[in-house]
PDB file of all heavy atoms in Angstrom:
ATOM      1  N   VAL A   1       6.409 -11.543  -1.821  1.00  0.00           N
ATOM      2  CA  VAL A   1       5.502 -10.874  -0.870  1.00  0.00           C
ATOM      3  C   VAL A   1       5.011 -11.942   0.082  1.00  0.00           C
ATOM      4  O   VAL A   1       4.369 -12.910  -0.357  1.00  0.00           O
ATOM      5  CB  VAL A   1       4.328 -10.150  -1.613  1.00  0.00           C
ATOM      6  CG1 VAL A   1       3.371  -9.479  -0.586  1.00  0.00           C
ATOM      7  CG2 VAL A   1       4.864  -9.084  -2.584  1.00  0.00           C
ATOM      8  N   LEU A   2       4.975 -11.666   1.396  1.00  0.00           N
ATOM      9  CA  LEU A   2       4.619 -12.578   2.441  1.00  0.00           C
ATOM     10  C   LEU A   2       3.451 -11.983   3.126  1.00  0.00           C
ATOM     11  O   LEU A   2       3.362 -10.778   3.359  1.00  0.00           O
ATOM     12  CB  LEU A   2       5.753 -12.875   3.407  1.00  0.00           C
ATOM     13  CG  LEU A   2       7.038 -13.351   2.816  1.00  0.00           C
ATOM     14  CD1 LEU A   2       8.202 -13.345   3.756  1.00  0.00           C
ATOM     15  CD2 LEU A   2       6.885 -14.660   2.245  1.00  0.00           C
ATOM     16  N   LYS A   3       2.548 -12.830   3.760  1.00  0.00           N
ATOM     17  CA  LYS A   3       1.440 -12.432   4.551  1.00  0.00           C
ATOM     18  C   LYS A   3       1.826 -12.579   6.023  1.00  0.00           C
ATOM     19  O   LYS A   3       1.945 -13.664   6.515  1.00  0.00           O
ATOM     20  CB  LYS A   3       0.200 -13.245   4.291  1.00  0.00           C
ATOM     21  CG  LYS A   3      -0.992 -12.861   5.017  1.00  0.00           C
ATOM     22  CD  LYS A   3      -2.256 -13.540   4.534  1.00  0.00           C
ATOM     23  CE  LYS A   3      -3.490 -13.144   5.348  1.00  0.00           C
ATOM     24  NZ  LYS A   3      -3.561 -11.835   5.896  1.00  0.00           N
ATOM     25  N   ALA A   4       1.923 -11.367   6.602  1.00  0.00           N
ATOM     26  CA  ALA A   4       2.080 -11.333   8.066  1.00  0.00           C
ATOM     27  C   ALA A   4       0.737 -11.668   8.714  1.00  0.00           C
ATOM     28  O   ALA A   4      -0.329 -11.332   8.180  1.00  0.00           O
ATOM     29  CB  ALA A   4       2.656 -10.015   8.534  1.00  0.00           C
ATOM     30  N   PRO A   5       0.726 -12.235  10.014  1.00  0.00           N
ATOM     31  CA  PRO A   5      -0.574 -12.446  10.561  1.00  0.00           C
ATOM     32  C   PRO A   5      -1.480 -11.276  10.717  1.00  0.00           C
ATOM     33  O   PRO A   5      -2.664 -11.373  10.751  1.00  0.00           O
ATOM     34  CB  PRO A   5      -0.233 -13.022  11.939  1.00  0.00           C
ATOM     35  CG  PRO A   5       1.145 -13.444  11.869  1.00  0.00           C
ATOM     36  CD  PRO A   5       1.847 -12.645  10.761  1.00  0.00           C
ATOM     37  N   GLU A   6      -0.842 -10.149  11.014  1.00  0.00           N
ATOM     38  CA  GLU A   6      -1.667  -8.888  11.185  1.00  0.00           C
ATOM     39  C   GLU A   6      -0.816  -7.668  10.562  1.00  0.00           C
ATOM     40  O   GLU A   6       0.309  -7.855  10.327  1.00  0.00           O
ATOM     41  CB  GLU A   6      -1.760  -8.496  12.681  1.00  0.00           C
ATOM     42  CG  GLU A   6      -2.637  -9.516  13.388  1.00  0.00           C
ATOM     43  CD  GLU A   6      -2.823  -9.056  14.767  1.00  0.00           C
ATOM     44  OE1 GLU A   6      -2.776  -7.888  15.276  1.00  0.00           O
ATOM     45  OE2 GLU A   6      -3.162 -10.014  15.644  1.00  0.00           O
ATOM     46  N   GLY A   7      -1.532  -6.726  10.153  1.00  0.00           N
ATOM     47  CA  GLY A   7      -0.863  -5.492   9.503  1.00  0.00           C
ATOM     48  C   GLY A   7      -0.456  -5.779   8.004  1.00  0.00           C
ATOM     49  O   GLY A   7      -0.974  -6.674   7.395  1.00  0.00           O
ATOM     50  N   PRO A   8       0.273  -4.861   7.523  1.00  0.00           N
ATOM     51  CA  PRO A   8       0.575  -5.008   6.068  1.00  0.00           C
ATOM     52  C   PRO A   8       1.447  -6.196   5.742  1.00  0.00           C
ATOM     53  O   PRO A   8       2.077  -6.742   6.542  1.00  0.00           O
ATOM     54  CB  PRO A   8       1.294  -3.642   5.726  1.00  0.00           C
ATOM     55  CG  PRO A   8       1.925  -3.244   7.069  1.00  0.00           C
ATOM     56  CD  PRO A   8       0.974  -3.774   8.088  1.00  0.00           C
ATOM     57  N   PRO A   9       1.467  -6.607   4.407  1.00  0.00           N
ATOM     58  CA  PRO A   9       2.344  -7.669   4.032  1.00  0.00           C
ATOM     59  C   PRO A   9       3.825  -7.214   4.106  1.00  0.00           C
ATOM     60  O   PRO A   9       4.066  -6.058   4.177  1.00  0.00           O
ATOM     61  CB  PRO A   9       1.895  -7.896   2.570  1.00  0.00           C
ATOM     62  CG  PRO A   9       1.054  -6.806   2.172  1.00  0.00           C
ATOM     63  CD  PRO A   9       0.579  -6.059   3.400  1.00  0.00           C
ATOM     64  N   VAL A  10       4.646  -8.188   4.025  1.00  0.00           N
ATOM     65  CA  VAL A  10       6.119  -7.978   4.047  1.00  0.00           C
ATOM     66  C   VAL A  10       6.719  -8.444   2.624  1.00  0.00           C
ATOM     67  O   VAL A  10       6.415  -9.473   2.233  1.00  0.00           O
ATOM     68  CB  VAL A  10       6.784  -8.713   5.132  1.00  0.00           C
ATOM     69  CG1 VAL A  10       8.301  -8.682   5.129  1.00  0.00           C
ATOM     70  CG2 VAL A  10       6.279  -8.345   6.548  1.00  0.00           C
ATOM     71  N   THR A  11       7.381  -7.503   2.029  1.00  0.00           N
ATOM     72  CA  THR A  11       7.927  -7.721   0.714  1.00  0.00           C
ATOM     73  C   THR A  11       9.449  -7.864   0.850  1.00  0.00           C
ATOM     74  O   THR A  11      10.120  -6.932   1.281  1.00  0.00           O
ATOM     75  CB  THR A  11       7.583  -6.511  -0.187  1.00  0.00           C
ATOM     76  OG1 THR A  11       6.170  -6.456  -0.410  1.00  0.00           O
ATOM     77  CG2 THR A  11       8.327  -6.724  -1.582  1.00  0.00           C
ATOM     78  N   LEU A  12       9.935  -9.029   0.451  1.00  0.00           N
ATOM     79  CA  LEU A  12      11.384  -9.286   0.438  1.00  0.00           C
ATOM     80  C   LEU A  12      11.897  -8.811  -0.906  1.00  0.00           C
ATOM     81  O   LEU A  12      11.268  -9.132  -1.977  1.00  0.00           O
ATOM     82  CB  LEU A  12      11.671 -10.783   0.591  1.00  0.00           C
ATOM     83  CG  LEU A  12      11.107 -11.471   1.766  1.00  0.00           C
ATOM     84  CD1 LEU A  12      11.288 -12.966   1.711  1.00  0.00           C
ATOM     85  CD2 LEU A  12      11.672 -10.805   3.049  1.00  0.00           C
ATOM     86  N   LEU A  13      12.894  -7.953  -0.928  1.00  0.00           N
ATOM     87  CA  LEU A  13      13.447  -7.430  -2.303  1.00  0.00           C
ATOM     88  C   LEU A  13      14.900  -7.098  -2.200  1.00  0.00           C
ATOM     89  O   LEU A  13      15.450  -6.956  -1.041  1.00  0.00           O
ATOM     90  CB  LEU A  13      12.704  -6.204  -2.699  1.00  0.00           C
ATOM     91  CG  LEU A  13      13.103  -4.765  -2.076  1.00  0.00           C
ATOM     92  CD1 LEU A  13      12.728  -3.722  -3.023  1.00  0.00           C
ATOM     93  CD2 LEU A  13      12.630  -4.683  -0.703  1.00  0.00           C
ATOM     94  N   ASN A  14      15.522  -7.141  -3.309  1.00  0.00           N
ATOM     95  CA  ASN A  14      16.941  -6.808  -3.460  1.00  0.00           C
ATOM     96  C   ASN A  14      16.900  -5.552  -4.291  1.00  0.00           C
ATOM     97  O   ASN A  14      16.795  -5.640  -5.570  1.00  0.00           O
ATOM     98  CB  ASN A  14      17.733  -7.889  -4.097  1.00  0.00           C
ATOM     99  CG  ASN A  14      19.246  -7.441  -4.235  1.00  0.00           C
ATOM    100  OD1 ASN A  14      19.593  -6.295  -4.177  1.00  0.00           O
ATOM    101  ND2 ASN A  14      20.070  -8.453  -4.418  1.00  0.00           N
ATOM    102  N   PRO A  15      17.029  -4.369  -3.699  1.00  0.00           N
ATOM    103  CA  PRO A  15      17.087  -3.139  -4.410  1.00  0.00           C
ATOM    104  C   PRO A  15      18.405  -2.816  -5.213  1.00  0.00           C
ATOM    105  O   PRO A  15      18.587  -1.709  -5.847  1.00  0.00           O
ATOM    106  CB  PRO A  15      16.811  -2.047  -3.486  1.00  0.00           C
ATOM    107  CG  PRO A  15      17.450  -2.580  -2.226  1.00  0.00           C
ATOM    108  CD  PRO A  15      17.243  -4.071  -2.320  1.00  0.00           C
ATOM    109  N   GLY A  16      19.264  -3.721  -5.150  1.00  0.00           N
ATOM    110  CA  GLY A  16      20.596  -3.526  -5.737  1.00  0.00           C
ATOM    111  C   GLY A  16      21.336  -2.430  -5.023  1.00  0.00           C
ATOM    112  O   GLY A  16      21.190  -2.331  -3.882  1.00  0.00           O
ATOM    113  N   GLY A  17      22.049  -1.607  -5.697  1.00  0.00           N
ATOM    114  CA  GLY A  17      22.845  -0.604  -5.099  1.00  0.00           C
ATOM    115  C   GLY A  17      21.969   0.754  -5.033  1.00  0.00           C
ATOM    116  O   GLY A  17      22.569   1.724  -4.556  1.00  0.00           O
ATOM    117  N   GLY A  18      20.830   0.752  -5.409  1.00  0.00           N
ATOM    118  CA  GLY A  18      20.071   1.988  -5.440  1.00  0.00           C
ATOM    119  C   GLY A  18      19.302   2.221  -4.119  1.00  0.00           C
ATOM    120  O   GLY A  18      19.437   1.534  -3.171  1.00  0.00           O
ATOM    121  N   GLU A  19      18.726   3.374  -4.135  1.00  0.00           N
ATOM    122  CA  GLU A  19      17.977   3.784  -2.968  1.00  0.00           C
ATOM    123  C   GLU A  19      16.639   3.001  -2.819  1.00  0.00           C
ATOM    124  O   GLU A  19      16.141   2.512  -3.724  1.00  0.00           O
ATOM    125  CB  GLU A  19      17.576   5.312  -3.138  1.00  0.00           C
ATOM    126  CG  GLU A  19      18.548   6.274  -2.849  1.00  0.00           C
ATOM    127  CD  GLU A  19      18.040   7.628  -2.768  1.00  0.00           C
ATOM    128  OE1 GLU A  19      17.766   8.182  -3.910  1.00  0.00           O
ATOM    129  OE2 GLU A  19      17.905   8.247  -1.666  1.00  0.00           O
ATOM    130  N   TRP A  20      16.206   2.888  -1.591  1.00  0.00           N
ATOM    131  CA  TRP A  20      15.072   2.182  -1.343  1.00  0.00           C
ATOM    132  C   TRP A  20      14.296   2.708  -0.143  1.00  0.00           C
ATOM    133  O   TRP A  20      14.979   3.424   0.691  1.00  0.00           O
ATOM    134  CB  TRP A  20      15.230   0.686  -1.285  1.00  0.00           C
ATOM    135  CG  TRP A  20      16.120   0.216  -0.136  1.00  0.00           C
ATOM    136  CD1 TRP A  20      17.347   0.537   0.148  1.00  0.00           C
ATOM    137  CD2 TRP A  20      15.629  -0.533   1.051  1.00  0.00           C
ATOM    138  NE1 TRP A  20      17.741   0.020   1.440  1.00  0.00           N
ATOM    139  CE2 TRP A  20      16.618  -0.600   1.936  1.00  0.00           C
ATOM    140  CE3 TRP A  20      14.417  -1.055   1.420  1.00  0.00           C
ATOM    141  CZ2 TRP A  20      16.578  -1.343   3.104  1.00  0.00           C
ATOM    142  CZ3 TRP A  20      14.229  -1.710   2.615  1.00  0.00           C
ATOM    143  CH2 TRP A  20      15.444  -1.856   3.411  1.00  0.00           C
ATOM    144  N   SER A  21      13.078   2.401   0.098  1.00  0.00           N
ATOM    145  CA  SER A  21      12.328   2.769   1.266  1.00  0.00           C
ATOM    146  C   SER A  21      12.029   1.543   2.117  1.00  0.00           C
ATOM    147  O   SER A  21      11.951   0.355   1.586  1.00  0.00           O
ATOM    148  CB  SER A  21      11.023   3.410   0.809  1.00  0.00           C
ATOM    149  OG  SER A  21      11.285   4.553   0.012  1.00  0.00           O
ATOM    150  N   GLY A  22      11.842   1.816   3.346  1.00  0.00           N
ATOM    151  CA  GLY A  22      11.499   0.590   4.327  1.00  0.00           C
ATOM    152  C   GLY A  22      10.104   0.233   4.176  1.00  0.00           C
ATOM    153  O   GLY A  22       9.702  -0.833   4.665  1.00  0.00           O
ATOM    154  N   PHE A  23       9.200   1.057   3.560  1.00  0.00           N
ATOM    155  CA  PHE A  23       7.850   0.662   3.417  1.00  0.00           C
ATOM    156  C   PHE A  23       7.189   1.669   2.354  1.00  0.00           C
ATOM    157  O   PHE A  23       7.902   2.527   1.857  1.00  0.00           O
ATOM    158  CB  PHE A  23       6.988   0.977   4.818  1.00  0.00           C
ATOM    159  CG  PHE A  23       6.952   2.461   5.175  1.00  0.00           C
ATOM    160  CD1 PHE A  23       5.920   3.164   4.855  1.00  0.00           C
ATOM    161  CD2 PHE A  23       7.980   2.951   5.912  1.00  0.00           C
ATOM    162  CE1 PHE A  23       5.815   4.533   5.205  1.00  0.00           C
ATOM    163  CE2 PHE A  23       7.966   4.316   6.272  1.00  0.00           C
ATOM    164  CZ  PHE A  23       6.861   5.044   5.929  1.00  0.00           C
ATOM    165  N   ASN A  24       6.008   1.358   2.028  1.00  0.00           N
ATOM    166  CA  ASN A  24       5.226   2.336   1.061  1.00  0.00           C
ATOM    167  C   ASN A  24       3.941   2.547   1.516  1.00  0.00           C
ATOM    168  O   ASN A  24       3.320   1.742   2.299  1.00  0.00           O
ATOM    169  CB  ASN A  24       5.464   1.976  -0.379  1.00  0.00           C
ATOM    170  CG  ASN A  24       4.683   0.670  -0.827  1.00  0.00           C
ATOM    171  OD1 ASN A  24       3.887   0.110  -0.017  1.00  0.00           O
ATOM    172  ND2 ASN A  24       4.846   0.288  -1.982  1.00  0.00           N
ATOM    173  N   PHE A  25       3.313   3.704   1.086  1.00  0.00           N
ATOM    174  CA  PHE A  25       1.892   4.020   1.410  1.00  0.00           C
ATOM    175  C   PHE A  25       1.098   3.586   0.244  1.00  0.00           C
ATOM    176  O   PHE A  25       1.542   3.470  -0.941  1.00  0.00           O
ATOM    177  CB  PHE A  25       1.833   5.538   1.457  1.00  0.00           C
ATOM    178  CG  PHE A  25       2.456   6.160   2.656  1.00  0.00           C
ATOM    179  CD1 PHE A  25       3.639   6.875   2.399  1.00  0.00           C
ATOM    180  CD2 PHE A  25       1.978   6.014   3.948  1.00  0.00           C
ATOM    181  CE1 PHE A  25       4.334   7.417   3.466  1.00  0.00           C
ATOM    182  CE2 PHE A  25       2.638   6.609   5.011  1.00  0.00           C
ATOM    183  CZ  PHE A  25       3.835   7.363   4.823  1.00  0.00           C
ATOM    184  N   HIS A  26      -0.186   3.360   0.444  1.00  0.00           N
ATOM    185  CA  HIS A  26      -1.124   3.052  -0.589  1.00  0.00           C
ATOM    186  C   HIS A  26      -2.112   4.302  -0.902  1.00  0.00           C
ATOM    187  O   HIS A  26      -2.394   4.953   0.029  1.00  0.00           O
ATOM    188  CB  HIS A  26      -2.044   1.867  -0.359  1.00  0.00           C
ATOM    189  CG  HIS A  26      -3.035   1.632  -1.442  1.00  0.00           C
ATOM    190  ND1 HIS A  26      -4.292   2.011  -1.348  1.00  0.00           N
ATOM    191  CD2 HIS A  26      -2.837   0.889  -2.557  1.00  0.00           C
ATOM    192  CE1 HIS A  26      -4.943   1.633  -2.459  1.00  0.00           C
ATOM    193  NE2 HIS A  26      -4.054   0.949  -3.180  1.00  0.00           N
ATOM    194  N   ALA A  27      -2.263   4.597  -2.140  1.00  0.00           N
ATOM    195  CA  ALA A  27      -3.116   5.654  -2.566  1.00  0.00           C
ATOM    196  C   ALA A  27      -4.039   4.943  -3.610  1.00  0.00           C
ATOM    197  O   ALA A  27      -3.557   4.176  -4.498  1.00  0.00           O
ATOM    198  CB  ALA A  27      -2.360   6.799  -3.144  1.00  0.00           C
ATOM    199  N   PRO A  28      -5.348   5.310  -3.682  1.00  0.00           N
ATOM    200  CA  PRO A  28      -6.186   4.736  -4.696  1.00  0.00           C
ATOM    201  C   PRO A  28      -5.742   5.048  -6.111  1.00  0.00           C
ATOM    202  O   PRO A  28      -5.900   4.306  -7.116  1.00  0.00           O
ATOM    203  CB  PRO A  28      -7.553   5.366  -4.445  1.00  0.00           C
ATOM    204  CG  PRO A  28      -7.502   5.743  -2.964  1.00  0.00           C
ATOM    205  CD  PRO A  28      -6.129   6.068  -2.705  1.00  0.00           C
ATOM    206  N   ASP A  29      -5.104   6.335  -6.241  1.00  0.00           N
ATOM    207  CA  ASP A  29      -4.605   6.681  -7.575  1.00  0.00           C
ATOM    208  C   ASP A  29      -3.263   7.403  -7.307  1.00  0.00           C
ATOM    209  O   ASP A  29      -3.209   8.507  -6.795  1.00  0.00           O
ATOM    210  CB  ASP A  29      -5.554   7.665  -8.208  1.00  0.00           C
ATOM    211  CG  ASP A  29      -5.257   8.178  -9.524  1.00  0.00           C
ATOM    212  OD1 ASP A  29      -4.030   8.365  -9.827  1.00  0.00           O
ATOM    213  OD2 ASP A  29      -6.076   8.343 -10.376  1.00  0.00           O
ATOM    214  N   ALA A  30      -2.163   6.684  -7.750  1.00  0.00           N
ATOM    215  CA  ALA A  30      -0.875   7.240  -7.516  1.00  0.00           C
ATOM    216  C   ALA A  30      -0.622   8.579  -8.207  1.00  0.00           C
ATOM    217  O   ALA A  30       0.104   9.484  -7.714  1.00  0.00           O
ATOM    218  CB  ALA A  30       0.285   6.266  -8.026  1.00  0.00           C
ATOM    219  N   ALA A  31      -1.134   8.762  -9.445  1.00  0.00           N
ATOM    220  CA  ALA A  31      -0.978  10.010 -10.026  1.00  0.00           C
ATOM    221  C   ALA A  31      -1.580  11.184  -9.426  1.00  0.00           C
ATOM    222  O   ALA A  31      -1.003  12.265  -9.258  1.00  0.00           O
ATOM    223  CB  ALA A  31      -1.552   9.913 -11.490  1.00  0.00           C
ATOM    224  N   THR A  32      -2.740  11.088  -8.803  1.00  0.00           N
ATOM    225  CA  THR A  32      -3.510  12.025  -7.968  1.00  0.00           C
ATOM    226  C   THR A  32      -2.645  12.273  -6.761  1.00  0.00           C
ATOM    227  O   THR A  32      -2.466  13.397  -6.397  1.00  0.00           O
ATOM    228  CB  THR A  32      -4.879  11.529  -7.637  1.00  0.00           C
ATOM    229  OG1 THR A  32      -5.639  11.290  -8.785  1.00  0.00           O
ATOM    230  CG2 THR A  32      -5.527  12.543  -6.847  1.00  0.00           C
ATOM    231  N   ALA A  33      -2.139  11.209  -6.057  1.00  0.00           N
ATOM    232  CA  ALA A  33      -1.393  11.424  -4.879  1.00  0.00           C
ATOM    233  C   ALA A  33      -0.072  12.207  -5.167  1.00  0.00           C
ATOM    234  O   ALA A  33       0.349  13.125  -4.370  1.00  0.00           O
ATOM    235  CB  ALA A  33      -0.962  10.087  -4.195  1.00  0.00           C
ATOM    236  N   ARG A  34       0.558  11.891  -6.317  1.00  0.00           N
ATOM    237  CA  ARG A  34       1.728  12.637  -6.753  1.00  0.00           C
ATOM    238  C   ARG A  34       1.528  14.069  -6.830  1.00  0.00           C
ATOM    239  O   ARG A  34       2.259  15.007  -6.462  1.00  0.00           O
ATOM    240  CB  ARG A  34       2.248  11.962  -7.954  1.00  0.00           C
ATOM    241  CG  ARG A  34       3.572  12.502  -8.504  1.00  0.00           C
ATOM    242  CD  ARG A  34       4.111  11.727  -9.705  1.00  0.00           C
ATOM    243  NE  ARG A  34       5.376  12.278 -10.149  1.00  0.00           N
ATOM    244  CZ  ARG A  34       5.510  13.375 -10.938  1.00  0.00           C
ATOM    245  NH1 ARG A  34       4.335  13.913 -11.446  1.00  0.00           N
ATOM    246  NH2 ARG A  34       6.628  13.841 -11.337  1.00  0.00           N
ATOM    247  N   ALA A  35       0.458  14.471  -7.613  1.00  0.00           N
ATOM    248  CA  ALA A  35       0.040  15.842  -7.914  1.00  0.00           C
ATOM    249  C   ALA A  35      -0.216  16.495  -6.485  1.00  0.00           C
ATOM    250  O   ALA A  35       0.229  17.641  -6.402  1.00  0.00           O
ATOM    251  CB  ALA A  35      -1.225  15.884  -8.813  1.00  0.00           C
ATOM    252  N   TRP A  36      -0.847  15.792  -5.628  1.00  0.00           N
ATOM    253  CA  TRP A  36      -1.192  16.395  -4.318  1.00  0.00           C
ATOM    254  C   TRP A  36       0.072  16.717  -3.625  1.00  0.00           C
ATOM    255  O   TRP A  36       0.189  17.867  -2.985  1.00  0.00           O
ATOM    256  CB  TRP A  36      -2.011  15.430  -3.575  1.00  0.00           C
ATOM    257  CG  TRP A  36      -2.612  15.803  -2.295  1.00  0.00           C
ATOM    258  CD1 TRP A  36      -3.781  16.518  -2.035  1.00  0.00           C
ATOM    259  CD2 TRP A  36      -2.117  15.627  -0.986  1.00  0.00           C
ATOM    260  NE1 TRP A  36      -3.962  16.796  -0.674  1.00  0.00           N
ATOM    261  CE2 TRP A  36      -2.935  16.107  -0.088  1.00  0.00           C
ATOM    262  CE3 TRP A  36      -0.979  14.813  -0.571  1.00  0.00           C
ATOM    263  CZ2 TRP A  36      -2.722  16.094   1.281  1.00  0.00           C
ATOM    264  CZ3 TRP A  36      -0.662  14.789   0.836  1.00  0.00           C
ATOM    265  CH2 TRP A  36      -1.630  15.365   1.802  1.00  0.00           C
ATOM    266  N   LEU A  37       1.049  15.937  -3.624  1.00  0.00           N
ATOM    267  CA  LEU A  37       2.354  16.247  -2.963  1.00  0.00           C
ATOM    268  C   LEU A  37       3.085  17.236  -3.655  1.00  0.00           C
ATOM    269  O   LEU A  37       3.747  18.147  -2.953  1.00  0.00           O
ATOM    270  CB  LEU A  37       3.227  14.906  -2.882  1.00  0.00           C
ATOM    271  CG  LEU A  37       2.711  13.892  -1.882  1.00  0.00           C
ATOM    272  CD1 LEU A  37       3.355  12.513  -2.208  1.00  0.00           C
ATOM    273  CD2 LEU A  37       3.085  14.320  -0.382  1.00  0.00           C
TER     274      LEU A  37
END
């Protein structure tokens, strides 16, 4: 994980052959956000 000068950090990752997202959202509680969706 790298610190960009502004905005969110940048995460370098190798997702292998699986699916991946270009970014993620933050929620204070992932379980609550999941139930909401």
